[in-house]
PDB file of N, CA and C in Angstrom:
ATOM      1  N   UNK A   1       0.844  -1.177   0.000  1.00  0.00           N
ATOM      2  CA  UNK A   1       0.000   0.000   0.000  1.00  0.00           C
ATOM      3  C   UNK A   1       0.887   1.238   0.000  1.00  0.00           C
ATOM      4  N   UNK A   2       0.498   2.199  -0.785  1.00  0.00           N
ATOM      5  CA  UNK A   2       1.223   3.472  -0.828  1.00  0.00           C
ATOM      6  C   UNK A   2       0.345   4.577  -0.283  1.00  0.00           C
ATOM      7  N   UNK A   3       0.963   5.508   0.399  1.00  0.00           N
ATOM      8  CA  UNK A   3       0.231   6.647   0.909  1.00  0.00           C
ATOM      9  C   UNK A   3      -0.051   6.532   2.390  1.00  0.00           C
ATOM     10  N   UNK A   4      -0.729   7.528   2.895  1.00  0.00           N
ATOM     11  CA  UNK A   4      -1.060   7.627   4.306  1.00  0.00           C
ATOM     12  C   UNK A   4      -2.147   6.627   4.685  1.00  0.00           C
ATOM     13  N   UNK A   5      -1.975   5.975   5.829  1.00  0.00           N
ATOM     14  CA  UNK A   5      -2.980   5.064   6.363  1.00  0.00           C
ATOM     15  C   UNK A   5      -3.359   5.563   7.757  1.00  0.00           C
ATOM     16  N   UNK A   6      -4.643   5.825   7.957  1.00  0.00           N
ATOM     17  CA  UNK A   6      -5.155   6.289   9.244  1.00  0.00           C
ATOM     18  C   UNK A   6      -5.700   5.071   9.983  1.00  0.00           C
ATOM     19  N   UNK A   7      -5.219   4.852  11.208  1.00  0.00           N
ATOM     20  CA  UNK A   7      -5.684   3.719  12.013  1.00  0.00           C
ATOM     21  C   UNK A   7      -6.305   4.256  13.287  1.00  0.00           C
ATOM     22  N   UNK A   8      -7.499   3.751  13.586  1.00  0.00           N
ATOM     23  CA  UNK A   8      -8.191   4.131  14.815  1.00  0.00           C
ATOM     24  C   UNK A   8      -8.561   2.855  15.551  1.00  0.00           C
ATOM     25  N   UNK A   9      -8.417   2.862  16.869  1.00  0.00           N
ATOM     26  CA  UNK A   9      -8.753   1.694  17.684  1.00  0.00           C
ATOM     27  C   UNK A   9      -9.843   2.066  18.679  1.00  0.00           C
ATOM     28  N   UNK A  10     -10.813   1.159  18.827  1.00  0.00           N
ATOM     29  CA  UNK A  10     -11.916   1.357  19.770  1.00  0.00           C
ATOM     30  C   UNK A  10     -12.020   0.126  20.660  1.00  0.00           C
ATOM     31  N   UNK A  11     -11.978   0.351  21.954  1.00  0.00           N
ATOM     32  CA  UNK A  11     -12.191  -0.738  22.913  1.00  0.00           C
ATOM     33  C   UNK A  11     -13.544  -0.485  23.560  1.00  0.00           C
ATOM     34  N   UNK A  12     -14.484  -1.324  23.230  1.00  0.00           N
ATOM     35  CA  UNK A  12     -15.841  -1.126  23.729  1.00  0.00           C
ATOM     36  C   UNK A  12     -16.504  -2.484  23.959  1.00  0.00           C
ATOM     37  N   UNK A  13     -17.525  -2.488  24.773  1.00  0.00           N
ATOM     38  CA  UNK A  13     -18.247  -3.719  25.067  1.00  0.00           C
ATOM     39  C   UNK A  13     -19.501  -3.862  24.220  1.00  0.00           C
ATOM     40  N   UNK A  14     -19.784  -2.849  23.405  1.00  0.00           N
ATOM     41  CA  UNK A  14     -20.982  -2.872  22.573  1.00  0.00           C
ATOM     42  C   UNK A  14     -20.606  -2.615  21.123  1.00  0.00           C
ATOM     43  N   UNK A  15     -21.595  -2.635  20.263  1.00  0.00           N
ATOM     44  CA  UNK A  15     -21.369  -2.374  18.844  1.00  0.00           C
ATOM     45  C   UNK A  15     -20.738  -0.990  18.664  1.00  0.00           C
ATOM     46  N   UNK A  16     -19.793  -0.895  17.741  1.00  0.00           N
ATOM     47  CA  UNK A  16     -19.168   0.394  17.438  1.00  0.00           C
ATOM     48  C   UNK A  16     -20.204   1.260  16.725  1.00  0.00           C
ATOM     49  N   UNK A  17     -20.426   2.472  17.193  1.00  0.00           N
ATOM     50  CA  UNK A  17     -21.437   3.323  16.567  1.00  0.00           C
ATOM     51  C   UNK A  17     -21.092   3.666  15.120  1.00  0.00           C
ATOM     52  N   UNK A  18     -22.112   3.783  14.303  1.00  0.00           N
ATOM     53  CA  UNK A  18     -21.935   4.157  12.906  1.00  0.00           C
ATOM     54  C   UNK A  18     -21.171   5.481  12.795  1.00  0.00           C
ATOM     55  N   UNK A  19     -21.416   6.384  13.727  1.00  0.00           N
ATOM     56  CA  UNK A  19     -20.769   7.697  13.705  1.00  0.00           C
ATOM     57  C   UNK A  19     -19.241   7.578  13.762  1.00  0.00           C
ATOM     58  N   UNK A  20     -18.730   6.560  14.437  1.00  0.00           N
ATOM     59  CA  UNK A  20     -17.274   6.362  14.504  1.00  0.00           C
ATOM     60  C   UNK A  20     -16.711   5.999  13.137  1.00  0.00           C
ATOM     61  N   UNK A  21     -17.433   5.160  12.409  1.00  0.00           N
ATOM     62  CA  UNK A  21     -17.004   4.764  11.063  1.00  0.00           C
ATOM     63  C   UNK A  21     -17.109   5.951  10.117  1.00  0.00           C
ATOM     64  N   UNK A  22     -18.184   6.681  10.210  1.00  0.00           N
ATOM     65  CA  UNK A  22     -18.393   7.860   9.376  1.00  0.00           C
ATOM     66  C   UNK A  22     -17.328   8.926   9.650  1.00  0.00           C
ATOM     67  N   UNK A  23     -16.987   9.119  10.923  1.00  0.00           N
ATOM     68  CA  UNK A  23     -15.962  10.099  11.282  1.00  0.00           C
ATOM     69  C   UNK A  23     -14.600   9.702  10.716  1.00  0.00           C
ATOM     70  N   UNK A  24     -14.278   8.414  10.764  1.00  0.00           N
ATOM     71  CA  UNK A  24     -13.020   7.956  10.184  1.00  0.00           C
ATOM     72  C   UNK A  24     -12.998   8.225   8.681  1.00  0.00           C
ATOM     73  N   UNK A  25     -14.117   8.000   8.018  1.00  0.00           N
ATOM     74  CA  UNK A  25     -14.199   8.281   6.580  1.00  0.00           C
ATOM     75  C   UNK A  25     -13.935   9.764   6.315  1.00  0.00           C
ATOM     76  N   UNK A  26     -14.452  10.628   7.173  1.00  0.00           N
ATOM     77  CA  UNK A  26     -14.217  12.053   7.027  1.00  0.00           C
ATOM     78  C   UNK A  26     -12.743  12.410   7.167  1.00  0.00           C
ATOM     79  N   UNK A  27     -12.063  11.792   8.111  1.00  0.00           N
ATOM     80  CA  UNK A  27     -10.632  12.041   8.306  1.00  0.00           C
ATOM     81  C   UNK A  27      -9.838  11.528   7.111  1.00  0.00           C
ATOM     82  N   UNK A  28     -10.209  10.347   6.614  1.00  0.00           N
ATOM     83  CA  UNK A  28      -9.537   9.778   5.438  1.00  0.00           C
ATOM     84  C   UNK A  28      -9.664  10.736   4.260  1.00  0.00           C
ATOM     85  N   UNK A  29     -10.855  11.277   4.051  1.00  0.00           N
ATOM     86  CA  UNK A  29     -11.066  12.224   2.955  1.00  0.00           C
ATOM     87  C   UNK A  29     -10.290  13.522   3.191  1.00  0.00           C
ATOM     88  N   UNK A  30     -10.375  14.048   4.401  1.00  0.00           N
ATOM     89  CA  UNK A  30      -9.715  15.323   4.718  1.00  0.00           C
ATOM     90  C   UNK A  30      -8.199  15.233   4.539  1.00  0.00           C
ATOM     91  N   UNK A  31      -7.624  14.128   4.985  1.00  0.00           N
ATOM     92  CA  UNK A  31      -6.168  13.943   4.901  1.00  0.00           C
ATOM     93  C   UNK A  31      -5.732  13.354   3.565  1.00  0.00           C
ATOM     94  N   UNK A  32      -6.718  13.035   2.715  1.00  0.00           N
ATOM     95  CA  UNK A  32      -6.439  12.388   1.425  1.00  0.00           C
ATOM     96  C   UNK A  32      -5.637  11.104   1.617  1.00  0.00           C
ATOM     97  N   UNK A  33      -6.007  10.356   2.630  1.00  0.00           N
ATOM     98  CA  UNK A  33      -5.307   9.109   2.968  1.00  0.00           C
ATOM     99  C   UNK A  33      -5.665   8.006   1.987  1.00  0.00           C
ATOM    100  N   UNK A  34      -4.754   7.095   1.812  1.00  0.00           N
ATOM    101  CA  UNK A  34      -4.986   5.958   0.930  1.00  0.00           C
ATOM    102  C   UNK A  34      -5.951   4.962   1.560  1.00  0.00           C
ATOM    103  N   UNK A  35      -5.961   4.907   2.898  1.00  0.00           N
ATOM    104  CA  UNK A  35      -6.778   3.909   3.575  1.00  0.00           C
ATOM    105  C   UNK A  35      -7.042   4.331   5.009  1.00  0.00           C
ATOM    106  N   UNK A  36      -8.175   3.884   5.527  1.00  0.00           N
ATOM    107  CA  UNK A  36      -8.515   4.058   6.929  1.00  0.00           C
ATOM    108  C   UNK A  36      -8.891   2.709   7.510  1.00  0.00           C
ATOM    109  N   UNK A  37      -8.345   2.397   8.672  1.00  0.00           N
ATOM    110  CA  UNK A  37      -8.621   1.116   9.323  1.00  0.00           C
ATOM    111  C   UNK A  37      -9.173   1.400  10.706  1.00  0.00           C
ATOM    112  N   UNK A  38     -10.313   0.798  11.004  1.00  0.00           N
ATOM    113  CA  UNK A  38     -10.913   0.913  12.334  1.00  0.00           C
ATOM    114  C   UNK A  38     -10.870  -0.466  12.977  1.00  0.00           C
ATOM    115  N   UNK A  39     -10.162  -0.553  14.099  1.00  0.00           N
ATOM    116  CA  UNK A  39      -9.974  -1.814  14.810  1.00  0.00           C
ATOM    117  C   UNK A  39     -10.762  -1.744  16.107  1.00  0.00           C
ATOM    118  N   UNK A  40     -11.471  -2.810  16.439  1.00  0.00           N
ATOM    119  CA  UNK A  40     -12.224  -2.830  17.687  1.00  0.00           C
ATOM    120  C   UNK A  40     -12.149  -4.204  18.346  1.00  0.00           C
ATOM    121  N   UNK A  41     -12.347  -4.211  19.645  1.00  0.00           N
ATOM    122  CA  UNK A  41     -12.433  -5.471  20.375  1.00  0.00           C
ATOM    123  C   UNK A  41     -13.851  -6.030  20.313  1.00  0.00           C
ATOM    124  N   UNK A  42     -14.780  -5.246  19.817  1.00  0.00           N
ATOM    125  CA  UNK A  42     -16.178  -5.692  19.755  1.00  0.00           C
ATOM    126  C   UNK A  42     -16.577  -5.999  18.316  1.00  0.00           C
ATOM    127  N   UNK A  43     -17.616  -5.343  17.789  1.00  0.00           N
ATOM    128  CA  UNK A  43     -18.106  -5.653  16.450  1.00  0.00           C
ATOM    129  C   UNK A  43     -18.739  -4.414  15.828  1.00  0.00           C
ATOM    130  N   UNK A  44     -19.068  -4.532  14.541  1.00  0.00           N
ATOM    131  CA  UNK A  44     -19.680  -3.442  13.778  1.00  0.00           C
ATOM    132  C   UNK A  44     -21.090  -3.841  13.354  1.00  0.00           C
ATOM    133  N   UNK A  45     -21.953  -2.864  13.213  1.00  0.00           N
ATOM    134  CA  UNK A  45     -23.307  -3.112  12.732  1.00  0.00           C
ATOM    135  C   UNK A  45     -23.343  -3.221  11.216  1.00  0.00           C
ATOM    136  N   UNK A  46     -24.475  -3.652  10.705  1.00  0.00           N
ATOM    137  CA  UNK A  46     -24.632  -3.815   9.249  1.00  0.00           C
ATOM    138  C   UNK A  46     -24.460  -2.503   8.498  1.00  0.00           C
ATOM    139  N   UNK A  47     -24.991  -1.433   9.050  1.00  0.00           N
ATOM    140  CA  UNK A  47     -24.891  -0.127   8.379  1.00  0.00           C
ATOM    141  C   UNK A  47     -23.424   0.305   8.265  1.00  0.00           C
ATOM    142  N   UNK A  48     -22.653   0.064   9.292  1.00  0.00           N
ATOM    143  CA  UNK A  48     -21.227   0.414   9.262  1.00  0.00           C
ATOM    144  C   UNK A  48     -20.486  -0.426   8.240  1.00  0.00           C
ATOM    145  N   UNK A  49     -20.787  -1.717   8.198  1.00  0.00           N
ATOM    146  CA  UNK A  49     -20.134  -2.608   7.236  1.00  0.00           C
ATOM    147  C   UNK A  49     -20.474  -2.207   5.797  1.00  0.00           C
ATOM    148  N   UNK A  50     -21.744  -1.879   5.553  1.00  0.00           N
ATOM    149  CA  UNK A  50     -22.162  -1.469   4.213  1.00  0.00           C
ATOM    150  C   UNK A  50     -21.499  -0.141   3.825  1.00  0.00           C
ATOM    151  N   UNK A  51     -21.432   0.785   4.759  1.00  0.00           N
ATOM    152  CA  UNK A  51     -20.809   2.079   4.496  1.00  0.00           C
ATOM    153  C   UNK A  51     -19.332   1.911   4.146  1.00  0.00           C
ATOM    154  N   UNK A  52     -18.623   1.092   4.910  1.00  0.00           N
ATOM    155  CA  UNK A  52     -17.195   0.863   4.657  1.00  0.00           C
ATOM    156  C   UNK A  52     -16.979   0.212   3.296  1.00  0.00           C
ATOM    157  N   UNK A  53     -17.833  -0.740   2.938  1.00  0.00           N
ATOM    158  CA  UNK A  53     -17.723  -1.384   1.628  1.00  0.00           C
ATOM    159  C   UNK A  53     -17.970  -0.390   0.505  1.00  0.00           C
ATOM    160  N   UNK A  54     -18.964   0.466   0.665  1.00  0.00           N
ATOM    161  CA  UNK A  54     -19.278   1.464  -0.356  1.00  0.00           C
ATOM    162  C   UNK A  54     -18.177   2.520  -0.482  1.00  0.00           C
ATOM    163  N   UNK A  55     -17.562   2.854   0.639  1.00  0.00           N
ATOM    164  CA  UNK A  55     -16.520   3.885   0.638  1.00  0.00           C
ATOM    165  C   UNK A  55     -15.295   3.427  -0.160  1.00  0.00           C
ATOM    166  N   UNK A  56     -14.888   2.198   0.036  1.00  0.00           N
ATOM    167  CA  UNK A  56     -13.784   1.635  -0.735  1.00  0.00           C
ATOM    168  C   UNK A  56     -12.407   1.757  -0.115  1.00  0.00           C
ATOM    169  N   UNK A  57     -12.203   2.727   0.757  1.00  0.00           N
ATOM    170  CA  UNK A  57     -10.881   2.888   1.366  1.00  0.00           C
ATOM    171  C   UNK A  57     -10.900   2.668   2.872  1.00  0.00           C
ATOM    172  N   UNK A  58     -11.998   2.107   3.365  1.00  0.00           N
ATOM    173  CA  UNK A  58     -12.108   1.802   4.791  1.00  0.00           C
ATOM    174  C   UNK A  58     -12.048   0.299   5.005  1.00  0.00           C
ATOM    175  N   UNK A  59     -11.368  -0.094   6.056  1.00  0.00           N
ATOM    176  CA  UNK A  59     -11.330  -1.505   6.451  1.00  0.00           C
ATOM    177  C   UNK A  59     -11.739  -1.584   7.910  1.00  0.00           C
ATOM    178  N   UNK A  60     -12.637  -2.503   8.214  1.00  0.00           N
ATOM    179  CA  UNK A  60     -13.121  -2.700   9.581  1.00  0.00           C
ATOM    180  C   UNK A  60     -12.604  -4.033  10.105  1.00  0.00           C
ATOM    181  N   UNK A  61     -11.916  -3.990  11.231  1.00  0.00           N
ATOM    182  CA  UNK A  61     -11.418  -5.213  11.873  1.00  0.00           C
ATOM    183  C   UNK A  61     -12.106  -5.365  13.222  1.00  0.00           C
ATOM    184  N   UNK A  62     -12.935  -6.402  13.349  1.00  0.00           N
ATOM    185  CA  UNK A  62     -13.645  -6.620  14.603  1.00  0.00           C
ATOM    186  C   UNK A  62     -12.886  -7.608  15.491  1.00  0.00           C
ATOM    187  N   UNK A  63     -13.445  -7.866  16.667  1.00  0.00           N
ATOM    188  CA  UNK A  63     -12.800  -8.752  17.632  1.00  0.00           C
ATOM    189  C   UNK A  63     -12.524 -10.144  17.095  1.00  0.00           C
ATOM    190  N   UNK A  64     -13.453 -10.693  16.321  1.00  0.00           N
ATOM    191  CA  UNK A  64     -13.257 -12.034  15.756  1.00  0.00           C
ATOM    192  C   UNK A  64     -12.068 -12.063  14.801  1.00  0.00           C
ATOM    193  N   UNK A  65     -11.929 -11.010  13.990  1.00  0.00           N
ATOM    194  CA  UNK A  65     -10.777 -10.933  13.088  1.00  0.00           C
ATOM    195  C   UNK A  65      -9.475 -10.751  13.860  1.00  0.00           C
ATOM    196  N   UNK A  66      -9.519 -10.002  14.969  1.00  0.00           N
ATOM    197  CA  UNK A  66      -8.327  -9.839  15.792  1.00  0.00           C
ATOM    198  C   UNK A  66      -7.860 -11.176  16.350  1.00  0.00           C
ATOM    199  N   UNK A  67      -8.797 -11.977  16.823  1.00  0.00           N
ATOM    200  CA  UNK A  67      -8.461 -13.309  17.345  1.00  0.00           C
ATOM    201  C   UNK A  67      -7.748 -14.116  16.266  1.00  0.00           C
ATOM    202  N   UNK A  68      -8.306 -14.104  15.061  1.00  0.00           N
ATOM    203  CA  UNK A  68      -7.721 -14.847  13.946  1.00  0.00           C
ATOM    204  C   UNK A  68      -6.308 -14.343  13.629  1.00  0.00           C
ATOM    205  N   UNK A  69      -6.127 -13.035  13.568  1.00  0.00           N
ATOM    206  CA  UNK A  69      -4.817 -12.473  13.233  1.00  0.00           C
ATOM    207  C   UNK A  69      -3.766 -12.776  14.304  1.00  0.00           C
ATOM    208  N   UNK A  70      -4.156 -12.694  15.581  1.00  0.00           N
ATOM    209  CA  UNK A  70      -3.222 -13.039  16.653  1.00  0.00           C
ATOM    210  C   UNK A  70      -2.799 -14.501  16.559  1.00  0.00           C
ATOM    211  N   UNK A  71      -3.756 -15.372  16.280  1.00  0.00           N
ATOM    212  CA  UNK A  71      -3.451 -16.803  16.172  1.00  0.00           C
ATOM    213  C   UNK A  71      -2.571 -17.074  14.953  1.00  0.00           C
ATOM    214  N   UNK A  72      -2.928 -16.509  13.818  1.00  0.00           N
ATOM    215  CA  UNK A  72      -2.210 -16.769  12.569  1.00  0.00           C
ATOM    216  C   UNK A  72      -0.777 -16.235  12.584  1.00  0.00           C
ATOM    217  N   UNK A  73      -0.600 -15.014  13.073  1.00  0.00           N
ATOM    218  CA  UNK A  73       0.708 -14.370  12.965  1.00  0.00           C
ATOM    219  C   UNK A  73       1.572 -14.470  14.222  1.00  0.00           C
ATOM    220  N   UNK A  74       0.947 -14.619  15.385  1.00  0.00           N
ATOM    221  CA  UNK A  74       1.708 -14.659  16.635  1.00  0.00           C
ATOM    222  C   UNK A  74       1.525 -15.954  17.407  1.00  0.00           C
ATOM    223  N   UNK A  75       0.675 -16.849  16.887  1.00  0.00           N
ATOM    224  CA  UNK A  75       0.359 -18.118  17.546  1.00  0.00           C
ATOM    225  C   UNK A  75      -0.112 -17.904  18.986  1.00  0.00           C
ATOM    226  N   UNK A  76      -0.938 -16.874  19.183  1.00  0.00           N
ATOM    227  CA  UNK A  76      -1.488 -16.554  20.490  1.00  0.00           C
ATOM    228  C   UNK A  76      -2.996 -16.755  20.491  1.00  0.00           C
ATOM    229  N   UNK A  77      -3.497 -17.337  21.572  1.00  0.00           N
ATOM    230  CA  UNK A  77      -4.936 -17.427  21.780  1.00  0.00           C
ATOM    231  C   UNK A  77      -5.336 -16.263  22.685  1.00  0.00           C
ATOM    232  N   UNK A  78      -6.200 -15.394  22.181  1.00  0.00           N
ATOM    233  CA  UNK A  78      -6.608 -14.209  22.939  1.00  0.00           C
ATOM    234  C   UNK A  78      -8.119 -14.123  23.007  1.00  0.00           C
ATOM    235  N   UNK A  79      -8.583 -13.364  23.979  1.00  0.00           N
ATOM    236  CA  UNK A  79     -10.010 -13.062  24.105  1.00  0.00           C
ATOM    237  C   UNK A  79     -10.114 -11.544  24.079  1.00  0.00           C
ATOM    238  N   UNK A  80     -10.525 -10.961  22.936  1.00  0.00           N
ATOM    239  CA  UNK A  80     -10.492  -9.507  22.797  1.00  0.00           C
ATOM    240  C   UNK A  80     -11.619  -8.766  23.500  1.00  0.00           C
ATOM    241  N   UNK A  81     -12.773  -9.371  23.663  1.00  0.00           N
ATOM    242  CA  UNK A  81     -13.890  -8.643  24.245  1.00  0.00           C
ATOM    243  C   UNK A  81     -15.164  -9.454  24.156  1.00  0.00           C
ATOM    244  N   UNK A  82     -16.293  -8.793  24.312  1.00  0.00           N
ATOM    245  CA  UNK A  82     -17.574  -9.484  24.315  1.00  0.00           C
ATOM    246  C   UNK A  82     -17.929 -10.076  22.949  1.00  0.00           C
ATOM    247  N   UNK A  83     -18.796 -11.046  22.982  1.00  0.00           N
ATOM    248  CA  UNK A  83     -19.269 -11.706  21.766  1.00  0.00           C
ATOM    249  C   UNK A  83     -20.497 -10.959  21.263  1.00  0.00           C
ATOM    250  N   UNK A  84     -20.561 -10.676  19.966  1.00  0.00           N
ATOM    251  CA  UNK A  84     -21.726  -9.946  19.445  1.00  0.00           C
ATOM    252  C   UNK A  84     -22.993 -10.780  19.539  1.00  0.00           C
ATOM    253  N   UNK A  85     -24.130 -10.130  19.630  1.00  0.00           N
ATOM    254  CA  UNK A  85     -25.393 -10.872  19.651  1.00  0.00           C
ATOM    255  C   UNK A  85     -25.644 -11.553  18.312  1.00  0.00           C
ATOM    256  N   UNK A  86     -26.430 -12.596  18.332  1.00  0.00           N
ATOM    257  CA  UNK A  86     -26.786 -13.295  17.077  1.00  0.00           C
ATOM    258  C   UNK A  86     -27.638 -12.377  16.221  1.00  0.00           C
ATOM    259  N   UNK A  87     -27.346 -12.360  14.927  1.00  0.00           N
ATOM    260  CA  UNK A  87     -28.133 -11.549  14.002  1.00  0.00           C
ATOM    261  C   UNK A  87     -29.291 -12.365  13.459  1.00  0.00           C
ATOM    262  N   UNK A  88     -30.401 -11.693  13.320  1.00  0.00           N
ATOM    263  CA  UNK A  88     -31.560 -12.354  12.704  1.00  0.00           C
ATOM    264  C   UNK A  88     -31.339 -12.410  11.211  1.00  0.00           C
ATOM    265  N   UNK A  89     -31.687 -13.518  10.585  1.00  0.00           N
ATOM    266  CA  UNK A  89     -31.551 -13.596   9.131  1.00  0.00           C
ATOM    267  C   UNK A  89     -32.476 -12.597   8.454  1.00  0.00           C
ATOM    268  N   UNK A  90     -32.028 -12.092   7.319  1.00  0.00           N
ATOM    269  CA  UNK A  90     -32.839 -11.111   6.568  1.00  0.00           C
ATOM    270  C   UNK A  90     -33.875 -11.802   5.755  1.00  0.00           C
TER     271      UNK A  90
END
């Protein structure tokens, strides 16, 4: 990847608010960054995931992905935070 990458971390016990994802997108645009990454110990809602996909330069890493990355790259078993509630099928 070339260019500026903005990384934000959120440690929370609940879903990350959409406003946090939207604010990161604003910073990415303002700084003309190549990418913005929002990392959390919890999870993201559907609206946040859809917004990040539509934006194209945002990446969302939730607690489940953090567990996978720690195991894959550091061979560590970790517990990052609470488990998200089950989603109802659409």
